[in-house]
Amino acid sequence: MSAGSEQGLRAITSERRQLTNLAYRLLGTLSDAEDVVQETYARWYAMSAQQQAEIASPGAWLTTVAGRVCLDLLGSARVRRESYVGEWVPEPLPDRAEWADRRSGTADPAEEVTLDESVTMAFLVVLDAMTPAERVAFVLHDVFRYPFAEVAEIVGRSPAACRQLASSARRRVRAERAPATPPARRAAVVREFKAAWQSKDIGALVDLLAPDATAIGDGGGRATAAARPVEGAEQVARYWVDLAAQADERAALLERSVNGQPGLAVLYDGVVVAVLAFEVAGEKITRIWAVRNPAKLRAWTVGPRYPSS
């Protein structure tokens, strides 16, 4: 391999992190994001060397292709969701440092995702409620700062139409955004929830929950989870206490970062069987997402087992 071709290969492969970040935010699962990245590179390498050389900005070309693949997948995802068992929740991600400590030596897309405000569970859930075109236009422009002229090439609409799509999506985000809570306070609230759950203290749980709090479970038909959202502070508190009453000494509950926010991991015999993400507004928990589908816990279950404390 010549020095020039080697440099070109490095430039192309260096885009992998950007593509994974984009695809995960658009699709909500690592497996789909990984498929998009592989398909994008497959299309690049399917071209001749001359065709590749004619592309002025390979990075922009890769992003365009990845965006279009995601747009197609978002359309088919709505059909797939109709056959999904129970509620669908985006795939939770552990802290990258923790993943790096536990990885088996092979690369995983979980390492590629930058954990910031645009990847919190609450944000991803809002994105999932958008139309595919809204989601792509908003993420590309507001999160990745692509100009609307480039967004238009990916979405297949005019720049003005893409501007309107992003504006509509922005209004959705603002309407759903919870009041800001300092990170330390969010962590404290989750810690208090953990203690109250472990002690089966319904009163303490109710005090931590907003009156209209909602708990959503995702088992995907592969693990037990509530078929529908549980709503109301007392109902949510009783639901979690009932779960705690079913646990035995092999179960453990650990504080863990989930998509960059304070969360909890439920272990059984040292293996993660559920991951909980929280939305905290002020002093209260407004939403809890519990992911139990093992297909969405890959990043939490590979490598050595966790300690029990």
Protein backbone atom coordinates (compact mmCIF):
# COMPACT_ATOMS: atom_id res chain seq x y z
CA MET A 1 0.00 0.00 0.00
CA SER A 2 1.38 3.40 -0.97
CA ALA A 3 1.76 6.23 1.52
CA GLY A 4 -1.01 8.14 -0.24
CA SER A 5 -3.48 5.26 -0.22
CA GLU A 6 -2.60 4.49 3.40
CA GLN A 7 -3.31 8.11 4.35
CA GLY A 8 -6.58 7.98 2.42
CA LEU A 9 -7.61 4.80 4.22
CA ARG A 10 -6.92 6.42 7.60
CA ALA A 11 -9.00 9.44 6.59
CA ILE A 12 -11.92 7.20 5.63
CA THR A 13 -11.79 4.96 8.70
CA SER A 14 -11.44 7.99 10.99
CA GLU A 15 -15.05 8.87 10.10
CA ARG A 16 -16.36 5.76 11.89
CA ARG A 17 -16.93 7.52 15.22
CA GLN A 18 -18.87 10.35 13.55
CA LEU A 19 -21.02 7.88 11.61
CA THR A 20 -21.73 5.77 14.69
CA ASN A 21 -22.69 8.84 16.71
CA LEU A 22 -25.05 9.98 13.98
CA ALA A 23 -26.65 6.58 13.40
CA TYR A 24 -27.17 5.84 17.11
CA ARG A 25 -28.93 9.16 17.68
CA LEU A 26 -31.11 8.62 14.64
CA LEU A 27 -31.99 4.97 15.24
CA GLY A 28 -31.71 4.49 19.01
CA THR A 29 -29.93 1.11 18.97
CA LEU A 30 -26.29 0.14 18.59
CA SER A 31 -27.05 -2.87 16.40
CA ASP A 32 -28.86 -0.72 13.84
CA ALA A 33 -26.14 1.94 14.07
CA GLU A 34 -23.49 -0.68 13.44
CA ASP A 35 -25.42 -2.02 10.43
CA VAL A 36 -25.63 1.50 8.99
CA VAL A 37 -21.89 2.09 9.39
CA GLN A 38 -21.08 -1.26 7.74
CA GLU A 39 -23.47 -0.57 4.87
CA THR A 40 -21.99 2.90 4.39
CA TYR A 41 -18.43 1.57 4.17
CA ALA A 42 -19.57 -1.27 1.93
CA ARG A 43 -20.91 1.27 -0.54
CA TRP A 44 -17.64 3.22 -0.41
CA TYR A 45 -15.48 0.18 -1.09
CA ALA A 46 -17.84 -1.00 -3.83
CA MET A 47 -16.68 1.98 -5.90
CA SER A 48 -13.61 1.90 -8.06
CA ALA A 49 -10.46 3.77 -7.01
CA GLN A 50 -11.18 6.33 -9.74
CA GLN A 51 -14.72 6.91 -8.46
CA GLN A 52 -13.41 7.35 -4.92
CA ALA A 53 -10.76 9.81 -6.11
CA GLU A 54 -13.42 11.95 -7.78
CA ILE A 55 -15.19 12.55 -4.45
CA ALA A 56 -13.97 15.89 -3.10
CA SER A 57 -14.96 15.23 0.52
CA PRO A 58 -15.10 11.54 1.45
CA GLY A 59 -16.28 12.41 4.97
CA ALA A 60 -19.25 14.37 3.64
CA TRP A 61 -20.02 11.56 1.19
CA LEU A 62 -20.01 8.97 3.99
CA THR A 63 -22.27 11.14 6.17
CA THR A 64 -24.68 11.65 3.28
CA VAL A 65 -24.90 7.93 2.61
CA ALA A 66 -25.27 7.09 6.31
CA GLY A 67 -28.01 9.70 6.70
CA ARG A 68 -29.94 8.29 3.76
CA VAL A 69 -29.60 4.72 5.02
CA CYS A 70 -30.87 5.87 8.43
CA LEU A 71 -33.79 7.66 6.81
CA ASP A 72 -34.78 4.45 5.01
CA LEU A 73 -34.43 2.42 8.19
CA LEU A 74 -36.52 4.90 10.18
CA GLY A 75 -39.36 4.37 7.72
CA SER A 76 -39.20 0.59 8.06
CA ALA A 77 -38.68 0.82 11.84
CA ARG A 78 -42.25 2.01 12.31
CA VAL A 79 -43.44 -1.17 10.61
CA ARG A 80 -41.15 -3.32 12.76
CA ARG A 81 -42.38 -1.59 15.93
CA GLU A 82 -45.92 -2.78 15.19
CA SER A 83 -44.75 -6.35 15.80
CA TYR A 84 -42.50 -5.47 18.76
CA VAL A 85 -43.72 -7.04 21.99
CA GLY A 86 -44.53 -4.38 24.60
CA GLU A 87 -43.03 -0.90 24.82
CA TRP A 88 -39.93 0.07 22.81
CA VAL A 89 -37.17 2.02 24.59
CA PRO A 90 -33.86 3.18 23.06
CA GLU A 91 -30.82 1.04 23.84
CA PRO A 92 -29.02 2.23 27.00
CA LEU A 93 -25.27 2.86 26.96
CA PRO A 94 -22.78 2.52 29.82
CA ASP A 95 -20.06 5.03 30.59
CA ARG A 96 -17.26 4.66 28.04
CA ALA A 97 -14.56 4.34 30.73
CA GLU A 98 -16.46 1.49 32.32
CA TRP A 99 -16.94 -0.18 28.95
CA ALA A 100 -13.22 0.17 28.20
CA ASP A 101 -12.39 -1.54 31.50
CA ARG A 102 -14.65 -4.49 30.71
CA ARG A 103 -14.27 -4.96 26.97
CA SER A 104 -12.92 -8.23 25.65
CA GLY A 105 -10.44 -6.62 23.26
CA THR A 106 -12.72 -6.37 20.24
CA ALA A 107 -14.07 -3.07 19.01
CA ASP A 108 -17.68 -2.27 19.82
CA PRO A 109 -19.82 0.63 18.64
CA ALA A 110 -20.61 1.51 22.28
CA GLU A 111 -17.10 2.91 22.54
CA GLU A 112 -17.72 5.21 19.60
CA VAL A 113 -20.73 7.08 20.98
CA THR A 114 -20.06 10.43 22.64
CA LEU A 115 -22.22 10.68 25.76
CA ASP A 116 -23.60 14.20 25.93
CA GLU A 117 -26.97 15.92 26.30
CA SER A 118 -28.01 14.80 22.81
CA VAL A 119 -27.86 11.15 23.80
CA THR A 120 -29.72 11.11 27.12
CA MET A 121 -32.60 8.67 27.29
CA ALA A 122 -35.13 11.51 27.58
CA PHE A 123 -33.73 13.16 24.45
CA LEU A 124 -33.73 9.91 22.45
CA VAL A 125 -37.34 9.22 23.44
CA VAL A 126 -38.38 12.65 22.13
CA LEU A 127 -36.49 11.98 18.90
CA ASP A 128 -38.29 8.67 18.53
CA ALA A 129 -41.65 10.45 18.50
CA MET A 130 -40.67 12.56 15.48
CA THR A 131 -41.25 11.74 11.85
CA PRO A 132 -38.16 10.27 10.11
CA ALA A 133 -37.58 13.47 8.13
CA GLU A 134 -37.93 15.66 11.24
CA ARG A 135 -35.52 13.49 13.16
CA VAL A 136 -32.85 13.45 10.46
CA ALA A 137 -33.10 17.18 9.74
CA PHE A 138 -33.01 18.12 13.41
CA VAL A 139 -30.13 15.82 14.41
CA LEU A 140 -27.98 16.74 11.42
CA HIS A 141 -28.52 20.49 11.84
CA ASP A 142 -28.98 21.08 15.58
CA VAL A 143 -26.70 18.33 16.93
CA PHE A 144 -24.06 17.93 14.21
CA ARG A 145 -24.28 21.49 12.85
CA TYR A 146 -24.70 20.60 9.19
CA PRO A 147 -25.99 23.50 7.07
CA PHE A 148 -29.48 23.07 5.67
CA ALA A 149 -28.12 22.92 2.12
CA GLU A 150 -26.30 19.69 3.02
CA VAL A 151 -29.21 18.39 5.10
CA ALA A 152 -31.44 18.88 2.04
CA GLU A 153 -29.25 16.55 -0.03
CA ILE A 154 -29.68 13.81 2.56
CA VAL A 155 -33.37 14.25 3.29
CA GLY A 156 -34.30 14.83 -0.34
CA ARG A 157 -36.19 18.08 0.31
CA SER A 158 -35.43 21.75 -0.19
CA PRO A 159 -33.30 23.64 2.35
CA ALA A 160 -36.39 25.67 3.30
CA ALA A 161 -38.40 22.51 3.94
CA CYS A 162 -35.55 21.09 6.05
CA ARG A 163 -35.46 24.31 8.04
CA GLN A 164 -39.17 23.88 8.79
CA LEU A 165 -38.66 20.23 9.76
CA ALA A 166 -35.90 21.15 12.19
CA SER A 167 -37.98 23.98 13.63
CA SER A 168 -40.91 21.63 14.23
CA ALA A 169 -38.60 19.11 15.89
CA ARG A 170 -37.06 21.85 18.02
CA ARG A 171 -40.50 22.79 19.35
CA ARG A 172 -41.09 19.17 20.33
CA VAL A 173 -37.81 19.07 22.23
CA ARG A 174 -38.57 22.30 24.07
CA ALA A 175 -42.08 21.14 24.99
CA GLU A 176 -40.74 17.88 26.49
CA ARG A 177 -37.62 19.28 28.16
CA ALA A 178 -37.71 18.92 31.94
CA PRO A 179 -36.58 21.79 34.20
CA ALA A 180 -32.82 21.71 34.67
CA THR A 181 -31.56 19.77 37.69
CA PRO A 182 -27.89 19.98 38.77
CA PRO A 183 -25.99 16.73 38.04
CA ALA A 184 -25.17 16.19 41.73
CA ARG A 185 -28.84 16.48 42.65
CA ARG A 186 -29.89 14.08 39.89
CA ALA A 187 -27.39 11.55 41.22
CA ALA A 188 -28.66 12.06 44.78
CA VAL A 189 -32.28 11.50 43.74
CA VAL A 190 -31.37 8.25 41.94
CA ARG A 191 -29.35 7.15 44.98
CA GLU A 192 -32.35 7.84 47.23
CA PHE A 193 -34.57 5.87 44.86
CA LYS A 194 -32.15 2.94 45.05
CA ALA A 195 -32.19 2.98 48.86
CA ALA A 196 -35.98 3.25 49.04
CA TRP A 197 -36.42 0.46 46.48
CA GLN A 198 -34.03 -1.86 48.32
CA SER A 199 -35.81 -1.22 51.63
CA LYS A 200 -39.23 -1.64 49.96
CA ASP A 201 -40.30 1.73 51.36
CA ILE A 202 -43.39 2.74 49.36
CA GLY A 203 -43.74 6.05 51.18
CA ALA A 204 -40.17 7.09 50.42
CA LEU A 205 -40.59 6.11 46.77
CA VAL A 206 -43.80 8.10 46.45
CA ASP A 207 -42.02 11.14 47.91
CA LEU A 208 -39.32 10.84 45.24
CA LEU A 209 -41.76 10.51 42.35
CA ALA A 210 -43.70 13.27 40.63
CA PRO A 211 -47.48 12.79 40.98
CA ASP A 212 -47.74 11.95 37.27
CA ALA A 213 -44.56 9.85 37.14
CA THR A 214 -44.40 7.12 34.51
CA ALA A 215 -42.43 3.86 34.43
CA ILE A 216 -41.87 2.16 31.07
CA GLY A 217 -40.38 -1.31 30.65
CA ASP A 218 -38.87 -2.85 27.53
CA GLY A 219 -38.60 -6.62 27.50
CA GLY A 220 -39.08 -7.08 23.77
CA GLY A 221 -40.83 -10.38 24.40
CA ARG A 222 -37.51 -11.83 25.60
CA ALA A 223 -37.73 -10.77 29.25
CA THR A 224 -40.58 -9.96 31.63
CA ALA A 225 -41.61 -6.31 31.61
CA ALA A 226 -44.78 -4.30 32.12
CA ALA A 227 -46.87 -4.58 28.97
CA ARG A 228 -47.95 -0.94 29.25
CA PRO A 229 -46.56 2.13 31.04
CA VAL A 230 -47.25 2.30 34.77
CA GLU A 231 -48.58 5.76 35.64
CA GLY A 232 -48.95 7.72 38.88
CA ALA A 233 -46.54 8.00 41.83
CA GLU A 234 -48.23 5.43 44.06
CA GLN A 235 -48.77 2.91 41.26
CA VAL A 236 -45.14 3.24 40.15
CA ALA A 237 -43.90 2.90 43.75
CA ARG A 238 -45.98 -0.24 44.33
CA TYR A 239 -44.81 -1.72 41.05
CA TRP A 240 -41.14 -1.39 42.02
CA VAL A 241 -41.74 -2.63 45.56
CA ASP A 242 -43.49 -5.71 44.15
CA LEU A 243 -40.44 -6.35 41.97
CA ALA A 244 -38.12 -5.96 44.97
CA ALA A 245 -40.20 -8.47 46.92
CA GLN A 246 -39.60 -11.07 44.19
CA ALA A 247 -35.80 -10.68 44.28
CA ASP A 248 -33.47 -13.04 46.15
CA GLU A 249 -29.93 -12.82 47.50
CA ARG A 250 -28.43 -13.31 44.04
CA ALA A 251 -29.86 -9.96 42.89
CA ALA A 252 -27.94 -6.69 43.26
CA LEU A 253 -28.58 -3.05 42.42
CA LEU A 254 -25.70 -0.80 41.38
CA GLU A 255 -25.46 2.91 40.58
CA ARG A 256 -24.23 3.30 37.02
CA SER A 257 -24.04 6.00 34.37
CA VAL A 258 -26.71 5.40 31.72
CA ASN A 259 -26.34 7.46 28.55
CA GLY A 260 -24.28 9.95 30.51
CA GLN A 261 -26.86 10.37 33.29
CA PRO A 262 -27.21 8.77 36.76
CA GLY A 263 -28.95 5.42 36.50
CA LEU A 264 -29.10 1.93 37.94
CA ALA A 265 -28.10 -1.54 36.79
CA VAL A 266 -29.91 -4.62 38.10
CA LEU A 267 -27.69 -7.68 38.35
CA TYR A 268 -28.49 -11.33 38.87
CA ASP A 269 -25.58 -13.64 39.69
CA GLY A 270 -23.25 -10.80 38.69
CA VAL A 271 -24.78 -10.34 35.22
CA VAL A 272 -26.72 -7.23 34.20
CA VAL A 273 -30.35 -8.15 33.53
CA ALA A 274 -31.89 -4.68 33.50
CA VAL A 275 -30.77 -1.07 33.13
CA LEU A 276 -32.79 1.85 34.51
CA ALA A 277 -32.63 5.39 33.13
CA PHE A 278 -34.30 8.31 34.90
CA GLU A 279 -35.66 11.73 34.05
CA VAL A 280 -35.42 14.06 37.05
CA ALA A 281 -37.18 17.43 37.10
CA GLY A 282 -36.31 19.56 40.08
CA GLU A 283 -36.45 17.22 43.07
CA LYS A 284 -38.74 14.59 41.53
CA ILE A 285 -38.43 11.62 39.21
CA THR A 286 -40.82 12.08 36.30
CA ARG A 287 -39.97 9.06 34.17
CA ILE A 288 -38.21 5.73 34.57
CA TRP A 289 -37.19 3.59 31.62
CA ALA A 290 -36.29 -0.01 32.44
CA VAL A 291 -34.63 -1.95 29.62
CA ARG A 292 -34.71 -5.72 30.09
CA ASN A 293 -34.49 -6.90 26.49
CA PRO A 294 -31.14 -8.76 26.43
CA ALA A 295 -30.59 -7.71 22.82
CA LYS A 296 -30.30 -4.13 24.11
CA LEU A 297 -27.91 -5.00 26.94
CA ARG A 298 -24.93 -6.15 24.86
CA ALA A 299 -22.71 -3.31 26.02
CA TRP A 300 -23.49 -4.22 29.64
CA THR A 301 -23.06 -7.99 29.51
CA VAL A 302 -19.84 -8.71 27.58
CA GLY A 303 -16.55 -9.16 29.38
CA PRO A 304 -16.04 -10.05 33.06
CA ARG A 305 -18.87 -9.97 35.55
CA TYR A 306 -19.56 -7.05 37.81
CA PRO A 307 -18.82 -7.18 41.52
CA SER A 308 -21.95 -7.41 43.67
CA SER A 309 -21.45 -4.01 45.32
